[in-house]
PDB file of N, CA and C in Angstrom:
ATOM      1  N   MET A   1     -12.333  13.016   9.278  1.00  0.00           N
ATOM      2  CA  MET A   1     -11.038  12.907   8.606  1.00  0.00           C
ATOM      3  C   MET A   1     -10.339  11.639   9.087  1.00  0.00           C
ATOM      4  N   PRO A   2      -9.842  10.816   8.175  1.00  0.00           N
ATOM      5  CA  PRO A   2      -9.191   9.577   8.579  1.00  0.00           C
ATOM      6  C   PRO A   2      -7.854   9.833   9.260  1.00  0.00           C
ATOM      7  N   HIS A   3      -7.495   8.936  10.144  1.00  0.00           N
ATOM      8  CA  HIS A   3      -6.204   8.979  10.833  1.00  0.00           C
ATOM      9  C   HIS A   3      -5.093   8.785   9.802  1.00  0.00           C
ATOM     10  N   ARG A   4      -3.916   9.342  10.074  1.00  0.00           N
ATOM     11  CA  ARG A   4      -2.798   9.240   9.121  1.00  0.00           C
ATOM     12  C   ARG A   4      -2.470   7.796   8.768  1.00  0.00           C
ATOM     13  N   PHE A   5      -2.534   6.898   9.762  1.00  0.00           N
ATOM     14  CA  PHE A   5      -2.225   5.498   9.476  1.00  0.00           C
ATOM     15  C   PHE A   5      -3.224   4.921   8.475  1.00  0.00           C
ATOM     16  N   GLU A   6      -4.502   5.269   8.632  1.00  0.00           N
ATOM     17  CA  GLU A   6      -5.519   4.784   7.693  1.00  0.00           C
ATOM     18  C   GLU A   6      -5.226   5.264   6.279  1.00  0.00           C
ATOM     19  N   VAL A   7      -4.798   6.507   6.158  1.00  0.00           N
ATOM     20  CA  VAL A   7      -4.470   7.059   4.838  1.00  0.00           C
ATOM     21  C   VAL A   7      -3.294   6.294   4.245  1.00  0.00           C
ATOM     22  N   LYS A   8      -2.262   6.044   5.030  1.00  0.00           N
ATOM     23  CA  LYS A   8      -1.085   5.328   4.537  1.00  0.00           C
ATOM     24  C   LYS A   8      -1.450   3.907   4.131  1.00  0.00           C
ATOM     25  N   LEU A   9      -2.341   3.275   4.876  1.00  0.00           N
ATOM     26  CA  LEU A   9      -2.774   1.929   4.522  1.00  0.00           C
ATOM     27  C   LEU A   9      -3.552   1.945   3.206  1.00  0.00           C
ATOM     28  N   ARG A  10      -4.390   2.938   3.017  1.00  0.00           N
ATOM     29  CA  ARG A  10      -5.119   3.059   1.742  1.00  0.00           C
ATOM     30  C   ARG A  10      -4.144   3.282   0.588  1.00  0.00           C
ATOM     31  N   GLU A  11      -3.122   4.104   0.825  1.00  0.00           N
ATOM     32  CA  GLU A  11      -2.110   4.327  -0.212  1.00  0.00           C
ATOM     33  C   GLU A  11      -1.429   3.008  -0.560  1.00  0.00           C
ATOM     34  N   TRP A  12      -1.115   2.221   0.456  1.00  0.00           N
ATOM     35  CA  TRP A  12      -0.479   0.917   0.243  1.00  0.00           C
ATOM     36  C   TRP A  12      -1.398   0.012  -0.578  1.00  0.00           C
ATOM     37  N   LEU A  13      -2.665  -0.030  -0.237  1.00  0.00           N
ATOM     38  CA  LEU A  13      -3.606  -0.863  -0.994  1.00  0.00           C
ATOM     39  C   LEU A  13      -3.719  -0.397  -2.441  1.00  0.00           C
ATOM     40  N   LEU A  14      -3.747   0.905  -2.650  1.00  0.00           N
ATOM     41  CA  LEU A  14      -3.840   1.437  -4.006  1.00  0.00           C
ATOM     42  C   LEU A  14      -2.651   0.991  -4.854  1.00  0.00           C
ATOM     43  N   LEU A  15      -1.480   0.882  -4.250  1.00  0.00           N
ATOM     44  CA  LEU A  15      -0.281   0.474  -4.984  1.00  0.00           C
ATOM     45  C   LEU A  15      -0.364  -0.959  -5.501  1.00  0.00           C
ATOM     46  N   HIS A  16      -1.317  -1.737  -5.032  1.00  0.00           N
ATOM     47  CA  HIS A  16      -1.521  -3.077  -5.574  1.00  0.00           C
ATOM     48  C   HIS A  16      -2.118  -3.019  -6.981  1.00  0.00           C
ATOM     49  N   PHE A  17      -2.697  -1.875  -7.327  1.00  0.00           N
ATOM     50  CA  PHE A  17      -3.407  -1.737  -8.591  1.00  0.00           C
ATOM     51  C   PHE A  17      -2.774  -0.735  -9.556  1.00  0.00           C
ATOM     52  N   GLU A  18      -2.082   0.261  -9.023  1.00  0.00           N
ATOM     53  CA  GLU A  18      -1.525   1.329  -9.869  1.00  0.00           C
ATOM     54  C   GLU A  18      -0.390   2.027  -9.139  1.00  0.00           C
ATOM     55  N   ASP A  19       0.262   2.952  -9.858  1.00  0.00           N
ATOM     56  CA  ASP A  19       1.380   3.700  -9.280  1.00  0.00           C
ATOM     57  C   ASP A  19       0.944   4.721  -8.243  1.00  0.00           C
ATOM     58  N   GLY A  20      -0.308   5.102  -8.242  1.00  0.00           N
ATOM     59  CA  GLY A  20      -0.809   6.040  -7.234  1.00  0.00           C
ATOM     60  C   GLY A  20      -0.258   7.446  -7.364  1.00  0.00           C
ATOM     61  N   THR A  21       0.009   7.877  -8.587  1.00  0.00           N
ATOM     62  CA  THR A  21       0.555   9.223  -8.787  1.00  0.00           C
ATOM     63  C   THR A  21      -0.540  10.276  -8.680  1.00  0.00           C
ATOM     64  N   ASP A  22      -0.127  11.472  -8.356  1.00  0.00           N
ATOM     65  CA  ASP A  22      -1.010  12.645  -8.291  1.00  0.00           C
ATOM     66  C   ASP A  22      -2.111  12.536  -7.241  1.00  0.00           C
ATOM     67  N   ILE A  23      -1.840  11.861  -6.148  1.00  0.00           N
ATOM     68  CA  ILE A  23      -2.789  11.803  -5.031  1.00  0.00           C
ATOM     69  C   ILE A  23      -2.461  12.971  -4.109  1.00  0.00           C
ATOM     70  N   ALA A  24      -3.418  13.875  -3.927  1.00  0.00           N
ATOM     71  CA  ALA A  24      -3.171  15.063  -3.110  1.00  0.00           C
ATOM     72  C   ALA A  24      -3.953  15.059  -1.798  1.00  0.00           C
ATOM     73  N   SER A  25      -4.867  14.096  -1.635  1.00  0.00           N
ATOM     74  CA  SER A  25      -5.671  14.084  -0.412  1.00  0.00           C
ATOM     75  C   SER A  25      -6.125  12.665  -0.093  1.00  0.00           C
ATOM     76  N   ALA A  26      -6.548  12.478   1.147  1.00  0.00           N
ATOM     77  CA  ALA A  26      -7.077  11.182   1.569  1.00  0.00           C
ATOM     78  C   ALA A  26      -8.308  10.813   0.747  1.00  0.00           C
ATOM     79  N   ARG A  27      -9.140  11.793   0.444  1.00  0.00           N
ATOM     80  CA  ARG A  27     -10.360  11.548  -0.337  1.00  0.00           C
ATOM     81  C   ARG A  27     -10.019  11.054  -1.742  1.00  0.00           C
ATOM     82  N   GLN A  28      -9.025  11.670  -2.375  1.00  0.00           N
ATOM     83  CA  GLN A  28      -8.609  11.224  -3.711  1.00  0.00           C
ATOM     84  C   GLN A  28      -8.112   9.784  -3.667  1.00  0.00           C
ATOM     85  N   CYS A  29      -7.351   9.469  -2.645  1.00  0.00           N
ATOM     86  CA  CYS A  29      -6.826   8.115  -2.500  1.00  0.00           C
ATOM     87  C   CYS A  29      -7.970   7.116  -2.358  1.00  0.00           C
ATOM     88  N   THR A  30      -8.923   7.427  -1.505  1.00  0.00           N
ATOM     89  CA  THR A  30     -10.069   6.543  -1.299  1.00  0.00           C
ATOM     90  C   THR A  30     -10.882   6.395  -2.581  1.00  0.00           C
ATOM     91  N   ASP A  31     -11.111   7.499  -3.275  1.00  0.00           N
ATOM     92  CA  ASP A  31     -11.866   7.447  -4.533  1.00  0.00           C
ATOM     93  C   ASP A  31     -11.179   6.545  -5.551  1.00  0.00           C
ATOM     94  N   ARG A  32      -9.869   6.666  -5.675  1.00  0.00           N
ATOM     95  CA  ARG A  32      -9.131   5.833  -6.633  1.00  0.00           C
ATOM     96  C   ARG A  32      -9.154   4.375  -6.205  1.00  0.00           C
ATOM     97  N   LEU A  33      -9.006   4.123  -4.916  1.00  0.00           N
ATOM     98  CA  LEU A  33      -9.037   2.751  -4.413  1.00  0.00           C
ATOM     99  C   LEU A  33     -10.390   2.107  -4.699  1.00  0.00           C
ATOM    100  N   GLU A  34     -11.453   2.876  -4.556  1.00  0.00           N
ATOM    101  CA  GLU A  34     -12.797   2.338  -4.790  1.00  0.00           C
ATOM    102  C   GLU A  34     -13.046   1.988  -6.260  1.00  0.00           C
ATOM    103  N   ARG A  35     -12.229   2.507  -7.164  1.00  0.00           N
ATOM    104  CA  ARG A  35     -12.335   2.098  -8.575  1.00  0.00           C
ATOM    105  C   ARG A  35     -12.002   0.611  -8.721  1.00  0.00           C
ATOM    106  N   TYR A  36     -11.049   0.164  -7.915  1.00  0.00           N
ATOM    107  CA  TYR A  36     -10.581  -1.221  -7.987  1.00  0.00           C
ATOM    108  C   TYR A  36     -11.309  -2.133  -7.004  1.00  0.00           C
ATOM    109  N   LEU A  37     -11.712  -1.567  -5.882  1.00  0.00           N
ATOM    110  CA  LEU A  37     -12.410  -2.327  -4.844  1.00  0.00           C
ATOM    111  C   LEU A  37     -13.722  -1.624  -4.521  1.00  0.00           C
ATOM    112  N   PRO A  38     -14.711  -1.738  -5.403  1.00  0.00           N
ATOM    113  CA  PRO A  38     -15.988  -1.055  -5.160  1.00  0.00           C
ATOM    114  C   PRO A  38     -16.553  -1.422  -3.786  1.00  0.00           C
ATOM    115  N   GLY A  39     -17.023  -0.405  -3.079  1.00  0.00           N
ATOM    116  CA  GLY A  39     -17.584  -0.635  -1.754  1.00  0.00           C
ATOM    117  C   GLY A  39     -16.534  -0.899  -0.692  1.00  0.00           C
ATOM    118  N   TYR A  40     -15.278  -0.527  -0.973  1.00  0.00           N
ATOM    119  CA  TYR A  40     -14.194  -0.754  -0.011  1.00  0.00           C
ATOM    120  C   TYR A  40     -14.591  -0.231   1.360  1.00  0.00           C
ATOM    121  N   ASP A  41     -14.474  -1.094   2.345  1.00  0.00           N
ATOM    122  CA  ASP A  41     -14.829  -0.715   3.714  1.00  0.00           C
ATOM    123  C   ASP A  41     -13.842  -1.298   4.717  1.00  0.00           C
ATOM    124  N   LYS A  42     -12.591  -1.441   4.315  1.00  0.00           N
ATOM    125  CA  LYS A  42     -11.514  -2.004   5.121  1.00  0.00           C
ATOM    126  C   LYS A  42     -11.556  -3.524   5.158  1.00  0.00           C
ATOM    127  N   GLY A  43     -12.587  -4.113   4.598  1.00  0.00           N
ATOM    128  CA  GLY A  43     -12.645  -5.558   4.468  1.00  0.00           C
ATOM    129  C   GLY A  43     -12.449  -5.907   3.005  1.00  0.00           C
ATOM    130  N   ILE A  44     -11.482  -6.759   2.716  1.00  0.00           N
ATOM    131  CA  ILE A  44     -11.171  -7.087   1.329  1.00  0.00           C
ATOM    132  C   ILE A  44     -11.233  -8.598   1.164  1.00  0.00           C
ATOM    133  N   ASP A  45     -11.931  -9.033   0.139  1.00  0.00           N
ATOM    134  CA  ASP A  45     -11.953 -10.446  -0.210  1.00  0.00           C
ATOM    135  C   ASP A  45     -10.523 -10.862  -0.524  1.00  0.00           C
ATOM    136  N   ARG A  46     -10.022 -11.849   0.162  1.00  0.00           N
ATOM    137  CA  ARG A  46      -8.613 -12.236   0.004  1.00  0.00           C
ATOM    138  C   ARG A  46      -8.278 -12.689  -1.404  1.00  0.00           C
ATOM    139  N   TYR A  47      -9.255 -13.051  -2.183  1.00  0.00           N
ATOM    140  CA  TYR A  47      -9.000 -13.485  -3.549  1.00  0.00           C
ATOM    141  C   TYR A  47      -8.851 -12.321  -4.523  1.00  0.00           C
ATOM    142  N   LYS A  48      -9.063 -11.104  -4.056  1.00  0.00           N
ATOM    143  CA  LYS A  48      -8.925  -9.934  -4.933  1.00  0.00           C
ATOM    144  C   LYS A  48      -7.491  -9.414  -4.979  1.00  0.00           C
ATOM    145  N   ILE A  49      -6.648  -9.868  -4.063  1.00  0.00           N
ATOM    146  CA  ILE A  49      -5.243  -9.451  -4.019  1.00  0.00           C
ATOM    147  C   ILE A  49      -4.382 -10.697  -4.226  1.00  0.00           C
ATOM    148  N   THR A  50      -3.584 -10.692  -5.295  1.00  0.00           N
ATOM    149  CA  THR A  50      -2.735 -11.843  -5.605  1.00  0.00           C
ATOM    150  C   THR A  50      -1.307 -11.607  -5.105  1.00  0.00           C
ATOM    151  N   TRP A  51      -0.505 -12.673  -5.084  1.00  0.00           N
ATOM    152  CA  TRP A  51       0.901 -12.535  -4.701  1.00  0.00           C
ATOM    153  C   TRP A  51       1.622 -11.593  -5.657  1.00  0.00           C
ATOM    154  N   LYS A  52       1.283 -11.669  -6.941  1.00  0.00           N
ATOM    155  CA  LYS A  52       1.916 -10.764  -7.912  1.00  0.00           C
ATOM    156  C   LYS A  52       1.567  -9.317  -7.608  1.00  0.00           C
ATOM    157  N   MET A  53       0.320  -9.063  -7.253  1.00  0.00           N
ATOM    158  CA  MET A  53      -0.092  -7.698  -6.913  1.00  0.00           C
ATOM    159  C   MET A  53       0.668  -7.202  -5.689  1.00  0.00           C
ATOM    160  N   ILE A  54       0.887  -8.079  -4.720  1.00  0.00           N
ATOM    161  CA  ILE A  54       1.648  -7.697  -3.526  1.00  0.00           C
ATOM    162  C   ILE A  54       3.084  -7.364  -3.920  1.00  0.00           C
ATOM    163  N   SER A  55       3.675  -8.197  -4.766  1.00  0.00           N
ATOM    164  CA  SER A  55       5.045  -7.926  -5.233  1.00  0.00           C
ATOM    165  C   SER A  55       5.112  -6.604  -5.986  1.00  0.00           C
ATOM    166  N   ASP A  56       4.122  -6.352  -6.836  1.00  0.00           N
ATOM    167  CA  ASP A  56       4.077  -5.085  -7.576  1.00  0.00           C
ATOM    168  C   ASP A  56       3.947  -3.901  -6.620  1.00  0.00           C
ATOM    169  N   ALA A  57       3.110  -4.040  -5.600  1.00  0.00           N
ATOM    170  CA  ALA A  57       2.919  -2.960  -4.626  1.00  0.00           C
ATOM    171  C   ALA A  57       4.207  -2.690  -3.855  1.00  0.00           C
ATOM    172  N   ILE A  58       4.908  -3.752  -3.469  1.00  0.00           N
ATOM    173  CA  ILE A  58       6.186  -3.581  -2.765  1.00  0.00           C
ATOM    174  C   ILE A  58       7.152  -2.791  -3.642  1.00  0.00           C
ATOM    175  N   GLU A  59       7.250  -3.168  -4.902  1.00  0.00           N
ATOM    176  CA  GLU A  59       8.175  -2.483  -5.815  1.00  0.00           C
ATOM    177  C   GLU A  59       7.756  -1.035  -6.056  1.00  0.00           C
ATOM    178  N   ARG A  60       6.476  -0.790  -6.250  1.00  0.00           N
ATOM    179  CA  ARG A  60       6.003   0.587  -6.452  1.00  0.00           C
ATOM    180  C   ARG A  60       6.291   1.451  -5.232  1.00  0.00           C
ATOM    181  N   ALA A  61       6.024   0.913  -4.052  1.00  0.00           N
ATOM    182  CA  ALA A  61       6.259   1.672  -2.820  1.00  0.00           C
ATOM    183  C   ALA A  61       7.751   1.919  -2.613  1.00  0.00           C
ATOM    184  N   ARG A  62       8.574   0.913  -2.901  1.00  0.00           N
ATOM    185  CA  ARG A  62      10.026   1.066  -2.743  1.00  0.00           C
ATOM    186  C   ARG A  62      10.539   2.183  -3.650  1.00  0.00           C
ATOM    187  N   LYS A  63      10.056   2.229  -4.872  1.00  0.00           N
ATOM    188  CA  LYS A  63      10.485   3.273  -5.810  1.00  0.00           C
ATOM    189  C   LYS A  63      10.091   4.669  -5.332  1.00  0.00           C
ATOM    190  N   ARG A  64       8.961   4.764  -4.649  1.00  0.00           N
ATOM    191  CA  ARG A  64       8.485   6.067  -4.163  1.00  0.00           C
ATOM    192  C   ARG A  64       9.183   6.480  -2.875  1.00  0.00           C
ATOM    193  N   ASP A  65       9.777   5.539  -2.182  1.00  0.00           N
ATOM    194  CA  ASP A  65      10.427   5.791  -0.891  1.00  0.00           C
ATOM    195  C   ASP A  65      11.879   6.210  -1.129  1.00  0.00           C
ATOM    196  N   THR A  66      12.070   7.350  -1.817  1.00  0.00           N
ATOM    197  CA  THR A  66      13.395   7.832  -2.182  1.00  0.00           C
ATOM    198  C   THR A  66      13.552   9.288  -1.777  1.00  0.00           C
ATOM    199  N   PRO A  67      14.526   9.603  -0.932  1.00  0.00           N
ATOM    200  CA  PRO A  67      15.374   8.655  -0.217  1.00  0.00           C
ATOM    201  C   PRO A  67      14.547   7.895   0.813  1.00  0.00           C
ATOM    202  N   PRO A  68      15.026   6.732   1.240  1.00  0.00           N
ATOM    203  CA  PRO A  68      14.254   5.936   2.194  1.00  0.00           C
ATOM    204  C   PRO A  68      13.886   6.732   3.443  1.00  0.00           C
ATOM    205  N   CYS A  69      12.620   6.670   3.786  1.00  0.00           N
ATOM    206  CA  CYS A  69      12.093   7.381   4.954  1.00  0.00           C
ATOM    207  C   CYS A  69      12.591   6.704   6.227  1.00  0.00           C
ATOM    208  N   THR A  70      13.118   7.489   7.150  1.00  0.00           N
ATOM    209  CA  THR A  70      13.604   6.921   8.412  1.00  0.00           C
ATOM    210  C   THR A  70      12.603   7.098   9.542  1.00  0.00           C
ATOM    211  N   THR A  71      11.567   7.909   9.300  1.00  0.00           N
ATOM    212  CA  THR A  71      10.515   8.105  10.299  1.00  0.00           C
ATOM    213  C   THR A  71       9.176   7.868   9.616  1.00  0.00           C
ATOM    214  N   TRP A  72       8.111   8.364  10.201  1.00  0.00           N
ATOM    215  CA  TRP A  72       6.778   8.239   9.614  1.00  0.00           C
ATOM    216  C   TRP A  72       6.704   9.067   8.335  1.00  0.00           C
ATOM    217  N   PRO A  73       6.224   8.498   7.215  1.00  0.00           N
ATOM    218  CA  PRO A  73       6.102   9.279   5.979  1.00  0.00           C
ATOM    219  C   PRO A  73       5.195  10.489   6.183  1.00  0.00           C
ATOM    220  N   ARG A  74       5.643  11.637   5.740  1.00  0.00           N
ATOM    221  CA  ARG A  74       4.905  12.873   5.978  1.00  0.00           C
ATOM    222  C   ARG A  74       4.200  13.423   4.742  1.00  0.00           C
ATOM    223  N   THR A  75       4.448  12.851   3.588  1.00  0.00           N
ATOM    224  CA  THR A  75       3.824  13.375   2.375  1.00  0.00           C
ATOM    225  C   THR A  75       2.844  12.366   1.791  1.00  0.00           C
ATOM    226  N   MET A  76       1.824  12.901   1.106  1.00  0.00           N
ATOM    227  CA  MET A  76       0.864  12.031   0.430  1.00  0.00           C
ATOM    228  C   MET A  76       1.598  11.232  -0.636  1.00  0.00           C
ATOM    229  N   GLY A  77       1.172  10.011  -0.808  1.00  0.00           N
ATOM    230  CA  GLY A  77       1.746   9.175  -1.853  1.00  0.00           C
ATOM    231  C   GLY A  77       2.949   8.373  -1.426  1.00  0.00           C
ATOM    232  N   THR A  78       3.356   8.496  -0.173  1.00  0.00           N
ATOM    233  CA  THR A  78       4.472   7.680   0.306  1.00  0.00           C
ATOM    234  C   THR A  78       3.994   6.813   1.457  1.00  0.00           C
ATOM    235  N   THR A  79       4.501   5.606   1.506  1.00  0.00           N
ATOM    236  CA  THR A  79       4.154   4.670   2.563  1.00  0.00           C
ATOM    237  C   THR A  79       5.336   3.747   2.804  1.00  0.00           C
ATOM    238  N   THR A  80       5.504   3.329   4.036  1.00  0.00           N
ATOM    239  CA  THR A  80       6.563   2.375   4.362  1.00  0.00           C
ATOM    240  C   THR A  80       5.981   1.027   4.771  1.00  0.00           C
ATOM    241  N   VAL A  81       4.681   0.839   4.576  1.00  0.00           N
ATOM    242  CA  VAL A  81       4.042  -0.438   4.898  1.00  0.00           C
ATOM    243  C   VAL A  81       4.716  -1.566   4.123  1.00  0.00           C
ATOM    244  N   TYR A  82       5.226  -1.250   2.942  1.00  0.00           N
ATOM    245  CA  TYR A  82       5.859  -2.280   2.114  1.00  0.00           C
ATOM    246  C   TYR A  82       7.006  -2.972   2.836  1.00  0.00           C
ATOM    247  N   ARG A  83       7.717  -2.254   3.694  1.00  0.00           N
ATOM    248  CA  ARG A  83       8.832  -2.871   4.422  1.00  0.00           C
ATOM    249  C   ARG A  83       8.333  -3.970   5.348  1.00  0.00           C
ATOM    250  N   LEU A  84       7.247  -3.698   6.047  1.00  0.00           N
ATOM    251  CA  LEU A  84       6.646  -4.694   6.934  1.00  0.00           C
ATOM    252  C   LEU A  84       6.196  -5.915   6.135  1.00  0.00           C
ATOM    253  N   VAL A  85       5.486  -5.690   5.048  1.00  0.00           N
ATOM    254  CA  VAL A  85       4.975  -6.798   4.237  1.00  0.00           C
ATOM    255  C   VAL A  85       6.129  -7.599   3.647  1.00  0.00           C
ATOM    256  N   LYS A  86       7.153  -6.913   3.184  1.00  0.00           N
ATOM    257  CA  LYS A  86       8.326  -7.589   2.625  1.00  0.00           C
ATOM    258  C   LYS A  86       8.978  -8.486   3.678  1.00  0.00           C
ATOM    259  N   ASN A  87       9.117  -7.991   4.898  1.00  0.00           N
ATOM    260  CA  ASN A  87       9.717  -8.781   5.976  1.00  0.00           C
ATOM    261  C   ASN A  87       8.838  -9.964   6.372  1.00  0.00           C
ATOM    262  N   ILE A  88       7.526  -9.764   6.398  1.00  0.00           N
ATOM    263  CA  ILE A  88       6.614 -10.865   6.714  1.00  0.00           C
ATOM    264  C   ILE A  88       6.724 -11.953   5.647  1.00  0.00           C
ATOM    265  N   ARG A  89       6.747 -11.553   4.393  1.00  0.00           N
ATOM    266  CA  ARG A  89       6.880 -12.539   3.309  1.00  0.00           C
ATOM    267  C   ARG A  89       8.192 -13.294   3.416  1.00  0.00           C
ATOM    268  N   GLN A  90       9.276 -12.582   3.725  1.00  0.00           N
ATOM    269  CA  GLN A  90      10.573 -13.248   3.855  1.00  0.00           C
ATOM    270  C   GLN A  90      10.564 -14.218   5.024  1.00  0.00           C
ATOM    271  N   SER A  91       9.964 -13.829   6.141  1.00  0.00           N
ATOM    272  CA  SER A  91       9.875 -14.718   7.304  1.00  0.00           C
ATOM    273  C   SER A  91       9.085 -15.975   6.963  1.00  0.00           C
ATOM    274  N   ALA A  92       8.002 -15.813   6.217  1.00  0.00           N
ATOM    275  CA  ALA A  92       7.195 -16.971   5.816  1.00  0.00           C
ATOM    276  C   ALA A  92       8.012 -17.907   4.929  1.00  0.00           C
ATOM    277  N   ARG A  93       8.806 -17.346   4.034  1.00  0.00           N
ATOM    278  CA  ARG A  93       9.660 -18.180   3.177  1.00  0.00           C
ATOM    279  C   ARG A  93      10.695 -18.917   4.014  1.00  0.00           C
ATOM    280  N   ASP A  94      11.300 -18.212   4.979  1.00  0.00           N
ATOM    281  CA  ASP A  94      12.324 -18.822   5.824  1.00  0.00           C
ATOM    282  C   ASP A  94      11.763 -19.992   6.622  1.00  0.00           C
ATOM    283  N   ILE A  95      10.529 -19.858   7.086  1.00  0.00           N
ATOM    284  CA  ILE A  95       9.892 -20.925   7.865  1.00  0.00           C
ATOM    285  C   ILE A  95       9.688 -22.165   7.005  1.00  0.00           C
ATOM    286  N   HIS A  96       9.339 -21.949   5.734  1.00  0.00           N
ATOM    287  CA  HIS A  96       9.036 -23.072   4.846  1.00  0.00           C
ATOM    288  C   HIS A  96      10.262 -23.632   4.146  1.00  0.00           C
ATOM    289  N   ASP A  97      11.412 -23.006   4.293  1.00  0.00           N
ATOM    290  CA  ASP A  97      12.647 -23.514   3.657  1.00  0.00           C
ATOM    291  C   ASP A  97      13.340 -24.529   4.528  1.00  0.00           C
TER     292      ASP A  97
END
């Protein structure tokens, strides 16, 4: 059985491709992710994820994070990884401005 963090990371990756609705288990999440990333093994070709996909994933995750989670997400289909990615992207922009 995958660790909770691994499941949340898979949920985050899935949001790059779809809304990720009706995910009830880690196995379902992995199966859906493998539709988009065949042979997914935690290594992803960097050219398979675009900036637009990252922006879409941030927005999808933000919409699902209602009300905003203040601790570790406890339900399937929710992830707060988007906050970290959003902050990293903003920091990168600030450095280049």
